[in-house]
């Protein structure tokens, strides 16, 4: 039991995870809120979604609403992830991996959907490619860490059913 007690706690590499978990919802809000606020205040929404306007495409409205709903959900889930992390809840590693997996699917899916609306634009512009590469690179590091790390297994045990208690 002594070895498990030494590994328990937010120390070591988990400090970097903590920083990422805390920064992510702030980063999402700082990135997307200004874009969506401008979309509805500068006339872009009307230009993109009004039949007969030069920029109109029937896919703009569902695409933009889908992005807004998805990104709002990611902010909410990221906030919940903060709770799971600092309460050392056993579901934290699963939620963390789930967020990475969902992001790795959503980014190219969204890029493809945008390419249907803007067929003359590259599917992976520089911003999309950077976001995907950052998510993929982070996932390649942190997903195996969540799955293999003895510290993760020893730390995230709060509210864990007895039949799931880790053996280190």
N, C-alpha and C. Protein backbone atom coordinates (compact mmCIF):
# COMPACT_ATOMS: atom_id res chain seq x y z
N UNK A 1 0.82 -1.21 0.00
CA UNK A 1 0.00 0.00 0.00
C UNK A 1 0.85 1.26 0.00
N UNK A 2 2.06 1.17 0.54
CA UNK A 2 2.95 2.33 0.61
C UNK A 2 3.29 2.87 -0.75
N UNK A 3 3.53 1.99 -1.74
CA UNK A 3 3.86 2.41 -3.09
C UNK A 3 2.69 3.18 -3.72
N UNK A 4 1.46 2.71 -3.49
CA UNK A 4 0.28 3.38 -4.02
C UNK A 4 0.13 4.76 -3.39
N UNK A 5 0.40 4.89 -2.08
CA UNK A 5 0.31 6.17 -1.42
C UNK A 5 1.34 7.17 -1.97
N UNK A 6 2.54 6.68 -2.31
CA UNK A 6 3.57 7.54 -2.88
C UNK A 6 3.18 8.06 -4.26
N UNK A 7 2.44 7.27 -4.99
CA UNK A 7 2.04 7.64 -6.35
C UNK A 7 0.78 8.50 -6.40
N UNK A 8 0.01 8.48 -5.33
CA UNK A 8 -1.26 9.19 -5.30
C UNK A 8 -1.04 10.69 -5.23
N UNK A 9 -1.77 11.43 -6.03
CA UNK A 9 -1.74 12.89 -5.93
C UNK A 9 -1.37 13.56 -7.24
N UNK A 10 -1.66 14.83 -7.28
CA UNK A 10 -1.39 15.65 -8.46
C UNK A 10 0.06 16.11 -8.38
N UNK A 11 0.93 15.24 -8.85
CA UNK A 11 2.36 15.53 -8.88
C UNK A 11 2.92 14.99 -10.19
N UNK A 12 4.19 15.23 -10.41
CA UNK A 12 4.83 14.71 -11.61
C UNK A 12 4.17 15.25 -12.87
N UNK A 13 3.99 14.37 -13.85
CA UNK A 13 3.42 14.76 -15.13
C UNK A 13 1.98 15.22 -15.02
N UNK A 14 1.30 14.82 -13.94
CA UNK A 14 -0.10 15.27 -13.77
C UNK A 14 -0.21 16.77 -13.59
N UNK A 15 0.87 17.42 -13.21
CA UNK A 15 0.85 18.89 -13.13
C UNK A 15 0.63 19.48 -14.52
N UNK A 16 1.28 18.90 -15.52
CA UNK A 16 1.07 19.38 -16.90
C UNK A 16 -0.36 19.12 -17.36
N UNK A 17 -0.90 17.97 -16.98
CA UNK A 17 -2.29 17.67 -17.31
C UNK A 17 -3.20 18.70 -16.64
N UNK A 18 -2.93 19.02 -15.38
CA UNK A 18 -3.74 20.01 -14.66
C UNK A 18 -3.75 21.35 -15.38
N UNK A 19 -2.58 21.78 -15.83
CA UNK A 19 -2.50 23.06 -16.55
C UNK A 19 -3.35 23.00 -17.81
N UNK A 20 -3.22 21.91 -18.56
CA UNK A 20 -4.01 21.77 -19.79
C UNK A 20 -5.50 21.73 -19.52
N UNK A 21 -5.89 21.01 -18.48
CA UNK A 21 -7.31 20.89 -18.13
C UNK A 21 -7.88 22.26 -17.72
N UNK A 22 -7.10 23.04 -17.00
CA UNK A 22 -7.55 24.37 -16.58
C UNK A 22 -7.60 25.36 -17.74
N UNK A 23 -6.64 25.28 -18.63
CA UNK A 23 -6.54 26.24 -19.73
C UNK A 23 -7.54 25.96 -20.85
N UNK A 24 -7.87 24.69 -21.08
CA UNK A 24 -8.69 24.33 -22.24
C UNK A 24 -10.03 25.06 -22.34
N UNK A 25 -10.86 25.11 -21.31
CA UNK A 25 -12.14 25.83 -21.49
C UNK A 25 -11.93 27.32 -21.71
N UNK A 26 -10.90 27.88 -21.09
CA UNK A 26 -10.59 29.31 -21.30
C UNK A 26 -10.15 29.53 -22.75
N UNK A 27 -9.30 28.63 -23.25
CA UNK A 27 -8.83 28.72 -24.64
C UNK A 27 -10.00 28.60 -25.61
N UNK A 28 -10.90 27.64 -25.35
CA UNK A 28 -12.07 27.47 -26.22
C UNK A 28 -12.93 28.74 -26.23
N UNK A 29 -13.20 29.28 -25.07
CA UNK A 29 -14.01 30.50 -25.00
C UNK A 29 -13.32 31.67 -25.68
N UNK A 30 -12.02 31.82 -25.46
CA UNK A 30 -11.27 32.93 -26.06
C UNK A 30 -11.19 32.80 -27.57
N UNK A 31 -11.20 31.57 -28.07
CA UNK A 31 -11.12 31.34 -29.51
C UNK A 31 -12.48 31.52 -30.17
N UNK A 32 -13.50 30.88 -29.63
CA UNK A 32 -14.77 30.81 -30.34
C UNK A 32 -15.78 31.90 -29.99
N UNK A 33 -15.78 32.40 -28.78
CA UNK A 33 -16.77 33.42 -28.43
C UNK A 33 -16.66 34.66 -29.32
N UNK A 34 -15.45 35.19 -29.54
CA UNK A 34 -15.38 36.37 -30.42
C UNK A 34 -15.87 36.08 -31.85
N UNK A 35 -15.58 34.89 -32.36
CA UNK A 35 -16.02 34.54 -33.72
C UNK A 35 -17.54 34.49 -33.78
N UNK A 36 -18.15 33.79 -32.82
CA UNK A 36 -19.60 33.65 -32.85
C UNK A 36 -20.30 34.96 -32.51
N UNK A 37 -19.75 35.74 -31.62
CA UNK A 37 -20.35 37.03 -31.30
C UNK A 37 -20.34 37.92 -32.54
N UNK A 38 -19.21 37.95 -33.24
CA UNK A 38 -19.11 38.76 -34.46
C UNK A 38 -20.08 38.25 -35.53
N UNK A 39 -20.21 36.94 -35.65
CA UNK A 39 -21.09 36.33 -36.63
C UNK A 39 -22.51 36.87 -36.52
N UNK A 40 -22.97 37.07 -35.29
CA UNK A 40 -24.35 37.52 -35.08
C UNK A 40 -24.48 39.04 -34.97
N UNK A 41 -23.38 39.76 -34.85
CA UNK A 41 -23.48 41.21 -34.69
C UNK A 41 -23.04 42.00 -35.91
N UNK A 42 -22.28 41.39 -36.82
CA UNK A 42 -21.78 42.17 -37.97
C UNK A 42 -22.54 41.91 -39.27
N UNK A 43 -23.62 41.15 -39.20
CA UNK A 43 -24.42 40.89 -40.39
C UNK A 43 -24.01 39.63 -41.14
N UNK A 44 -22.98 38.95 -40.67
CA UNK A 44 -22.52 37.74 -41.37
C UNK A 44 -23.60 36.65 -41.38
N UNK A 45 -24.24 36.45 -40.24
CA UNK A 45 -25.27 35.40 -40.15
C UNK A 45 -26.35 35.63 -41.21
N UNK A 46 -26.82 36.87 -41.33
CA UNK A 46 -27.86 37.18 -42.30
C UNK A 46 -27.33 36.95 -43.73
N UNK A 47 -26.10 37.38 -43.99
CA UNK A 47 -25.54 37.24 -45.33
C UNK A 47 -25.38 35.77 -45.73
N UNK A 48 -25.01 34.94 -44.78
CA UNK A 48 -24.77 33.53 -45.07
C UNK A 48 -26.03 32.69 -45.11
N UNK A 49 -27.07 33.13 -44.41
CA UNK A 49 -28.26 32.27 -44.26
C UNK A 49 -29.53 32.82 -44.90
N UNK A 50 -29.44 33.96 -45.55
CA UNK A 50 -30.63 34.54 -46.18
C UNK A 50 -30.69 34.12 -47.66
N UNK A 51 -31.77 33.46 -48.01
CA UNK A 51 -31.96 33.01 -49.39
C UNK A 51 -31.87 34.22 -50.32
N UNK A 52 -31.09 34.09 -51.36
CA UNK A 52 -30.95 35.16 -52.34
C UNK A 52 -29.72 36.03 -52.14
N UNK A 53 -29.12 35.97 -50.94
CA UNK A 53 -27.90 36.78 -50.74
C UNK A 53 -26.74 36.11 -51.49
N UNK A 54 -25.75 36.90 -51.82
CA UNK A 54 -24.61 36.40 -52.61
C UNK A 54 -23.86 35.26 -51.91
N UNK A 55 -23.76 35.29 -50.58
CA UNK A 55 -23.01 34.30 -49.82
C UNK A 55 -23.87 33.13 -49.35
N UNK A 56 -25.16 33.16 -49.69
CA UNK A 56 -26.07 32.13 -49.19
C UNK A 56 -25.71 30.73 -49.67
N UNK A 57 -25.81 29.81 -48.74
CA UNK A 57 -25.74 28.38 -49.03
C UNK A 57 -26.65 27.73 -47.99
N UNK A 58 -27.53 26.81 -48.41
CA UNK A 58 -28.46 26.22 -47.44
C UNK A 58 -27.76 25.42 -46.34
N UNK A 59 -26.49 25.09 -46.54
CA UNK A 59 -25.75 24.34 -45.52
C UNK A 59 -25.14 25.22 -44.44
N UNK A 60 -25.05 26.55 -44.69
CA UNK A 60 -24.41 27.43 -43.69
C UNK A 60 -25.10 27.36 -42.34
N UNK A 61 -26.40 27.49 -42.33
CA UNK A 61 -27.12 27.53 -41.05
C UNK A 61 -26.91 26.25 -40.23
N UNK A 62 -27.15 25.05 -40.78
CA UNK A 62 -26.93 23.86 -39.95
C UNK A 62 -25.45 23.67 -39.59
N UNK A 63 -24.55 24.03 -40.49
CA UNK A 63 -23.12 23.89 -40.20
C UNK A 63 -22.71 24.80 -39.04
N UNK A 64 -23.08 26.06 -39.12
CA UNK A 64 -22.69 27.01 -38.07
C UNK A 64 -23.38 26.68 -36.74
N UNK A 65 -24.65 26.32 -36.80
CA UNK A 65 -25.35 25.96 -35.56
C UNK A 65 -24.73 24.70 -34.95
N UNK A 66 -24.37 23.73 -35.80
CA UNK A 66 -23.70 22.52 -35.31
C UNK A 66 -22.37 22.85 -34.65
N UNK A 67 -21.59 23.74 -35.26
CA UNK A 67 -20.31 24.14 -34.66
C UNK A 67 -20.53 24.84 -33.32
N UNK A 68 -21.50 25.73 -33.27
CA UNK A 68 -21.78 26.46 -32.03
C UNK A 68 -22.20 25.49 -30.92
N UNK A 69 -23.09 24.56 -31.25
CA UNK A 69 -23.55 23.59 -30.25
C UNK A 69 -22.39 22.70 -29.82
N UNK A 70 -21.61 22.20 -30.78
CA UNK A 70 -20.48 21.33 -30.44
C UNK A 70 -19.48 22.07 -29.55
N UNK A 71 -19.07 23.26 -29.95
CA UNK A 71 -18.06 23.99 -29.18
C UNK A 71 -18.59 24.42 -27.81
N UNK A 72 -19.87 24.75 -27.72
CA UNK A 72 -20.46 25.05 -26.41
C UNK A 72 -20.44 23.81 -25.53
N UNK A 73 -20.77 22.66 -26.13
CA UNK A 73 -20.70 21.40 -25.39
C UNK A 73 -19.30 21.08 -24.93
N UNK A 74 -18.31 21.36 -25.77
CA UNK A 74 -16.91 21.11 -25.39
C UNK A 74 -16.48 22.00 -24.23
N UNK A 75 -16.96 23.23 -24.20
CA UNK A 75 -16.67 24.10 -23.06
C UNK A 75 -17.28 23.52 -21.79
N UNK A 76 -18.53 23.08 -21.89
CA UNK A 76 -19.20 22.50 -20.71
C UNK A 76 -18.52 21.22 -20.26
N UNK A 77 -18.18 20.35 -21.18
CA UNK A 77 -17.50 19.09 -20.83
C UNK A 77 -16.11 19.38 -20.27
N UNK A 78 -15.44 20.38 -20.82
CA UNK A 78 -14.12 20.76 -20.31
C UNK A 78 -14.21 21.30 -18.88
N UNK A 79 -15.26 22.04 -18.60
CA UNK A 79 -15.48 22.52 -17.23
C UNK A 79 -15.75 21.34 -16.29
N UNK A 80 -16.53 20.38 -16.76
CA UNK A 80 -16.80 19.18 -15.97
C UNK A 80 -15.51 18.39 -15.76
N UNK A 81 -14.65 18.38 -16.76
CA UNK A 81 -13.37 17.68 -16.66
C UNK A 81 -12.51 18.28 -15.53
N UNK A 82 -12.60 19.59 -15.35
CA UNK A 82 -11.88 20.24 -14.24
C UNK A 82 -12.36 19.67 -12.91
N UNK A 83 -13.68 19.56 -12.78
CA UNK A 83 -14.25 18.98 -11.56
C UNK A 83 -13.74 17.55 -11.35
N UNK A 84 -13.82 16.74 -12.42
CA UNK A 84 -13.37 15.35 -12.30
C UNK A 84 -11.90 15.27 -11.91
N UNK A 85 -11.09 16.14 -12.50
CA UNK A 85 -9.66 16.12 -12.22
C UNK A 85 -9.37 16.45 -10.76
N UNK A 86 -9.89 17.58 -10.29
CA UNK A 86 -9.55 18.02 -8.95
C UNK A 86 -10.27 17.25 -7.85
N UNK A 87 -11.36 16.56 -8.20
CA UNK A 87 -11.99 15.69 -7.22
C UNK A 87 -11.37 14.29 -7.28
N UNK A 88 -10.43 14.12 -8.20
CA UNK A 88 -9.71 12.85 -8.40
C UNK A 88 -10.69 11.70 -8.67
N UNK A 89 -11.74 12.03 -9.40
CA UNK A 89 -12.79 11.08 -9.73
C UNK A 89 -12.26 10.03 -10.70
N UNK A 90 -12.69 8.80 -10.49
CA UNK A 90 -12.18 7.70 -11.31
C UNK A 90 -12.56 7.84 -12.79
N UNK A 91 -13.56 8.64 -13.11
CA UNK A 91 -13.97 8.81 -14.50
C UNK A 91 -13.10 9.80 -15.26
N UNK A 92 -12.22 10.53 -14.56
CA UNK A 92 -11.41 11.54 -15.25
C UNK A 92 -10.65 10.98 -16.45
N UNK A 93 -9.86 9.92 -16.30
CA UNK A 93 -9.10 9.44 -17.47
C UNK A 93 -10.00 9.08 -18.65
N UNK A 94 -11.13 8.48 -18.40
CA UNK A 94 -12.04 8.10 -19.48
C UNK A 94 -12.60 9.34 -20.19
N UNK A 95 -13.03 10.33 -19.42
CA UNK A 95 -13.54 11.56 -20.01
C UNK A 95 -12.45 12.28 -20.80
N UNK A 96 -11.26 12.31 -20.25
CA UNK A 96 -10.13 12.97 -20.92
C UNK A 96 -9.89 12.31 -22.28
N UNK A 97 -9.80 10.99 -22.29
CA UNK A 97 -9.58 10.25 -23.53
C UNK A 97 -10.75 10.47 -24.48
N UNK A 98 -11.95 10.50 -23.95
CA UNK A 98 -13.14 10.73 -24.78
C UNK A 98 -13.11 12.08 -25.46
N UNK A 99 -12.69 13.12 -24.74
CA UNK A 99 -12.60 14.46 -25.34
C UNK A 99 -11.58 14.46 -26.47
N UNK A 100 -10.44 13.84 -26.24
CA UNK A 100 -9.42 13.77 -27.30
C UNK A 100 -9.98 13.04 -28.52
N UNK A 101 -10.61 11.89 -28.30
CA UNK A 101 -11.15 11.10 -29.40
C UNK A 101 -12.23 11.86 -30.18
N UNK A 102 -13.14 12.49 -29.47
CA UNK A 102 -14.21 13.25 -30.12
C UNK A 102 -13.61 14.40 -30.92
N UNK A 103 -12.61 15.07 -30.38
CA UNK A 103 -11.97 16.17 -31.10
C UNK A 103 -11.27 15.68 -32.37
N UNK A 104 -10.62 14.53 -32.28
CA UNK A 104 -9.92 13.98 -33.45
C UNK A 104 -10.89 13.57 -34.56
N UNK A 105 -12.12 13.27 -34.21
CA UNK A 105 -13.14 12.96 -35.21
C UNK A 105 -13.80 14.25 -35.71
N UNK A 106 -14.08 15.18 -34.79
CA UNK A 106 -14.82 16.38 -35.15
C UNK A 106 -14.03 17.30 -36.07
N UNK A 107 -12.75 17.48 -35.83
CA UNK A 107 -11.97 18.45 -36.61
C UNK A 107 -12.00 18.10 -38.11
N UNK A 108 -11.63 16.86 -38.52
CA UNK A 108 -11.71 16.58 -39.96
C UNK A 108 -13.15 16.52 -40.49
N UNK A 109 -14.09 16.06 -39.66
CA UNK A 109 -15.48 16.04 -40.08
C UNK A 109 -15.98 17.45 -40.37
N UNK A 110 -15.69 18.36 -39.48
CA UNK A 110 -16.08 19.76 -39.66
C UNK A 110 -15.40 20.35 -40.89
N UNK A 111 -14.11 20.05 -41.07
CA UNK A 111 -13.38 20.56 -42.24
C UNK A 111 -14.02 20.04 -43.53
N UNK A 112 -14.43 18.78 -43.54
CA UNK A 112 -15.08 18.21 -44.71
C UNK A 112 -16.43 18.90 -44.97
N UNK A 113 -17.20 19.12 -43.91
CA UNK A 113 -18.49 19.79 -44.07
C UNK A 113 -18.31 21.21 -44.58
N UNK A 114 -17.31 21.92 -44.08
CA UNK A 114 -17.02 23.26 -44.58
C UNK A 114 -16.64 23.20 -46.06
N UNK A 115 -15.90 22.16 -46.47
CA UNK A 115 -15.51 22.03 -47.87
C UNK A 115 -16.72 21.83 -48.78
N UNK A 116 -17.81 21.30 -48.25
CA UNK A 116 -19.04 21.18 -49.03
C UNK A 116 -19.66 22.54 -49.30
N UNK A 117 -19.49 23.45 -48.34
CA UNK A 117 -20.04 24.80 -48.48
C UNK A 117 -19.09 25.68 -49.28
N UNK A 118 -17.81 25.48 -49.08
CA UNK A 118 -16.77 26.28 -49.77
C UNK A 118 -15.87 25.35 -50.58
N UNK A 119 -16.37 24.82 -51.70
CA UNK A 119 -15.61 23.81 -52.45
C UNK A 119 -14.30 24.31 -53.06
N UNK A 120 -14.15 25.61 -53.24
CA UNK A 120 -12.92 26.15 -53.83
C UNK A 120 -11.84 26.43 -52.79
N UNK A 121 -12.15 26.22 -51.52
CA UNK A 121 -11.18 26.43 -50.44
C UNK A 121 -10.57 25.09 -50.06
N UNK A 122 -9.30 25.11 -49.60
CA UNK A 122 -8.70 23.84 -49.17
C UNK A 122 -9.43 23.30 -47.94
N UNK A 123 -9.61 21.97 -47.90
CA UNK A 123 -10.32 21.36 -46.77
C UNK A 123 -9.57 21.62 -45.47
N UNK A 124 -8.27 21.47 -45.49
CA UNK A 124 -7.46 21.71 -44.30
C UNK A 124 -6.66 22.99 -44.49
N UNK A 125 -7.26 24.11 -44.09
CA UNK A 125 -6.49 25.35 -44.12
C UNK A 125 -5.46 25.30 -43.01
N UNK A 126 -4.62 26.30 -42.92
CA UNK A 126 -3.54 26.29 -41.95
C UNK A 126 -4.05 26.18 -40.51
N UNK A 127 -5.09 26.92 -40.18
CA UNK A 127 -5.63 26.88 -38.82
C UNK A 127 -6.19 25.51 -38.45
N UNK A 128 -6.92 24.90 -39.39
CA UNK A 128 -7.49 23.58 -39.14
C UNK A 128 -6.40 22.53 -39.01
N UNK A 129 -5.40 22.61 -39.89
CA UNK A 129 -4.29 21.66 -39.84
C UNK A 129 -3.52 21.79 -38.52
N UNK A 130 -3.31 23.02 -38.06
CA UNK A 130 -2.60 23.24 -36.79
C UNK A 130 -3.41 22.67 -35.62
N UNK A 131 -4.70 22.93 -35.61
CA UNK A 131 -5.56 22.44 -34.53
C UNK A 131 -5.58 20.92 -34.50
N UNK A 132 -5.69 20.30 -35.67
CA UNK A 132 -5.70 18.85 -35.74
C UNK A 132 -4.36 18.28 -35.28
N UNK A 133 -3.25 18.87 -35.77
CA UNK A 133 -1.91 18.39 -35.39
C UNK A 133 -1.69 18.53 -33.88
N UNK A 134 -2.12 19.64 -33.32
CA UNK A 134 -1.97 19.86 -31.88
C UNK A 134 -2.77 18.83 -31.09
N UNK A 135 -4.00 18.57 -31.51
CA UNK A 135 -4.84 17.59 -30.83
C UNK A 135 -4.27 16.18 -30.98
N UNK A 136 -3.82 15.84 -32.18
CA UNK A 136 -3.24 14.52 -32.43
C UNK A 136 -1.96 14.33 -31.61
N UNK A 137 -1.08 15.31 -31.64
CA UNK A 137 0.18 15.22 -30.90
C UNK A 137 -0.08 15.08 -29.40
N UNK A 138 -0.98 15.94 -28.88
CA UNK A 138 -1.33 15.84 -27.46
C UNK A 138 -1.94 14.50 -27.12
N UNK A 139 -2.81 14.00 -28.00
CA UNK A 139 -3.42 12.70 -27.78
C UNK A 139 -2.42 11.56 -27.78
N UNK A 140 -1.43 11.65 -28.67
CA UNK A 140 -0.40 10.61 -28.73
C UNK A 140 0.44 10.56 -27.45
N UNK A 141 0.53 11.68 -26.78
CA UNK A 141 1.29 11.72 -25.52
C UNK A 141 0.40 11.36 -24.33
N UNK A 142 -0.74 12.03 -24.20
CA UNK A 142 -1.52 11.95 -22.97
C UNK A 142 -2.48 10.77 -22.90
N UNK A 143 -2.98 10.28 -24.03
CA UNK A 143 -3.86 9.11 -23.96
C UNK A 143 -3.10 7.89 -23.44
N UNK A 144 -1.92 7.55 -23.98
CA UNK A 144 -1.18 6.42 -23.39
C UNK A 144 -0.84 6.67 -21.92
N UNK A 145 -0.53 7.92 -21.58
CA UNK A 145 -0.23 8.23 -20.17
C UNK A 145 -1.43 7.92 -19.29
N UNK A 146 -2.63 8.31 -19.74
CA UNK A 146 -3.84 8.03 -18.96
C UNK A 146 -4.08 6.53 -18.81
N UNK A 147 -3.71 5.77 -19.82
CA UNK A 147 -3.96 4.33 -19.82
C UNK A 147 -2.90 3.53 -19.06
N UNK A 148 -1.67 4.02 -19.03
CA UNK A 148 -0.55 3.23 -18.49
C UNK A 148 -0.04 3.71 -17.14
N UNK A 149 -0.12 5.00 -16.88
CA UNK A 149 0.51 5.60 -15.71
C UNK A 149 0.01 5.02 -14.37
N UNK A 150 0.94 4.61 -13.56
CA UNK A 150 0.60 4.14 -12.21
C UNK A 150 0.10 5.29 -11.36
N UNK A 151 0.63 6.49 -11.58
CA UNK A 151 0.16 7.66 -10.83
C UNK A 151 -1.30 7.95 -11.15
N UNK A 152 -1.68 7.86 -12.42
CA UNK A 152 -3.08 8.07 -12.81
C UNK A 152 -3.96 7.03 -12.13
N UNK A 153 -3.53 5.77 -12.17
CA UNK A 153 -4.32 4.69 -11.56
C UNK A 153 -4.45 4.86 -10.04
N UNK A 154 -3.41 5.41 -9.41
CA UNK A 154 -3.42 5.58 -7.96
C UNK A 154 -4.16 6.85 -7.54
N UNK A 155 -4.22 7.84 -8.42
CA UNK A 155 -4.79 9.14 -8.05
C UNK A 155 -6.29 9.22 -8.31
N UNK A 156 -6.73 8.75 -9.45
CA UNK A 156 -8.12 8.93 -9.83
C UNK A 156 -8.94 7.71 -9.40
N UNK A 157 -9.24 7.69 -8.10
CA UNK A 157 -9.96 6.57 -7.51
C UNK A 157 -11.21 7.01 -6.74
N UNK A 158 -11.45 8.30 -6.63
CA UNK A 158 -12.61 8.77 -5.88
C UNK A 158 -13.90 8.26 -6.52
N UNK A 159 -14.80 7.81 -5.69
CA UNK A 159 -16.11 7.29 -6.08
C UNK A 159 -16.03 6.04 -6.95
N UNK A 160 -14.88 5.39 -6.95
CA UNK A 160 -14.73 4.17 -7.74
C UNK A 160 -15.42 3.01 -7.05
N UNK A 161 -16.23 2.26 -7.79
CA UNK A 161 -16.85 1.07 -7.18
C UNK A 161 -15.77 0.10 -6.70
N UNK A 162 -16.06 -0.58 -5.63
CA UNK A 162 -15.08 -1.50 -5.03
C UNK A 162 -14.55 -2.54 -6.00
N UNK A 163 -15.40 -3.02 -6.88
CA UNK A 163 -14.96 -4.06 -7.82
C UNK A 163 -14.02 -3.52 -8.91
N UNK A 164 -13.79 -2.20 -8.92
CA UNK A 164 -12.89 -1.60 -9.90
C UNK A 164 -11.59 -1.09 -9.29
N UNK A 165 -11.40 -1.28 -8.00
CA UNK A 165 -10.21 -0.75 -7.32
C UNK A 165 -8.94 -1.27 -8.01
N UNK A 166 -7.96 -0.36 -8.26
CA UNK A 166 -6.76 -0.76 -9.00
C UNK A 166 -5.82 -1.59 -8.13
N UNK A 167 -5.05 -2.41 -8.79
CA UNK A 167 -3.96 -3.13 -8.15
C UNK A 167 -2.69 -2.67 -8.84
N UNK A 168 -1.78 -2.10 -8.06
CA UNK A 168 -0.54 -1.58 -8.65
C UNK A 168 0.61 -2.50 -8.40
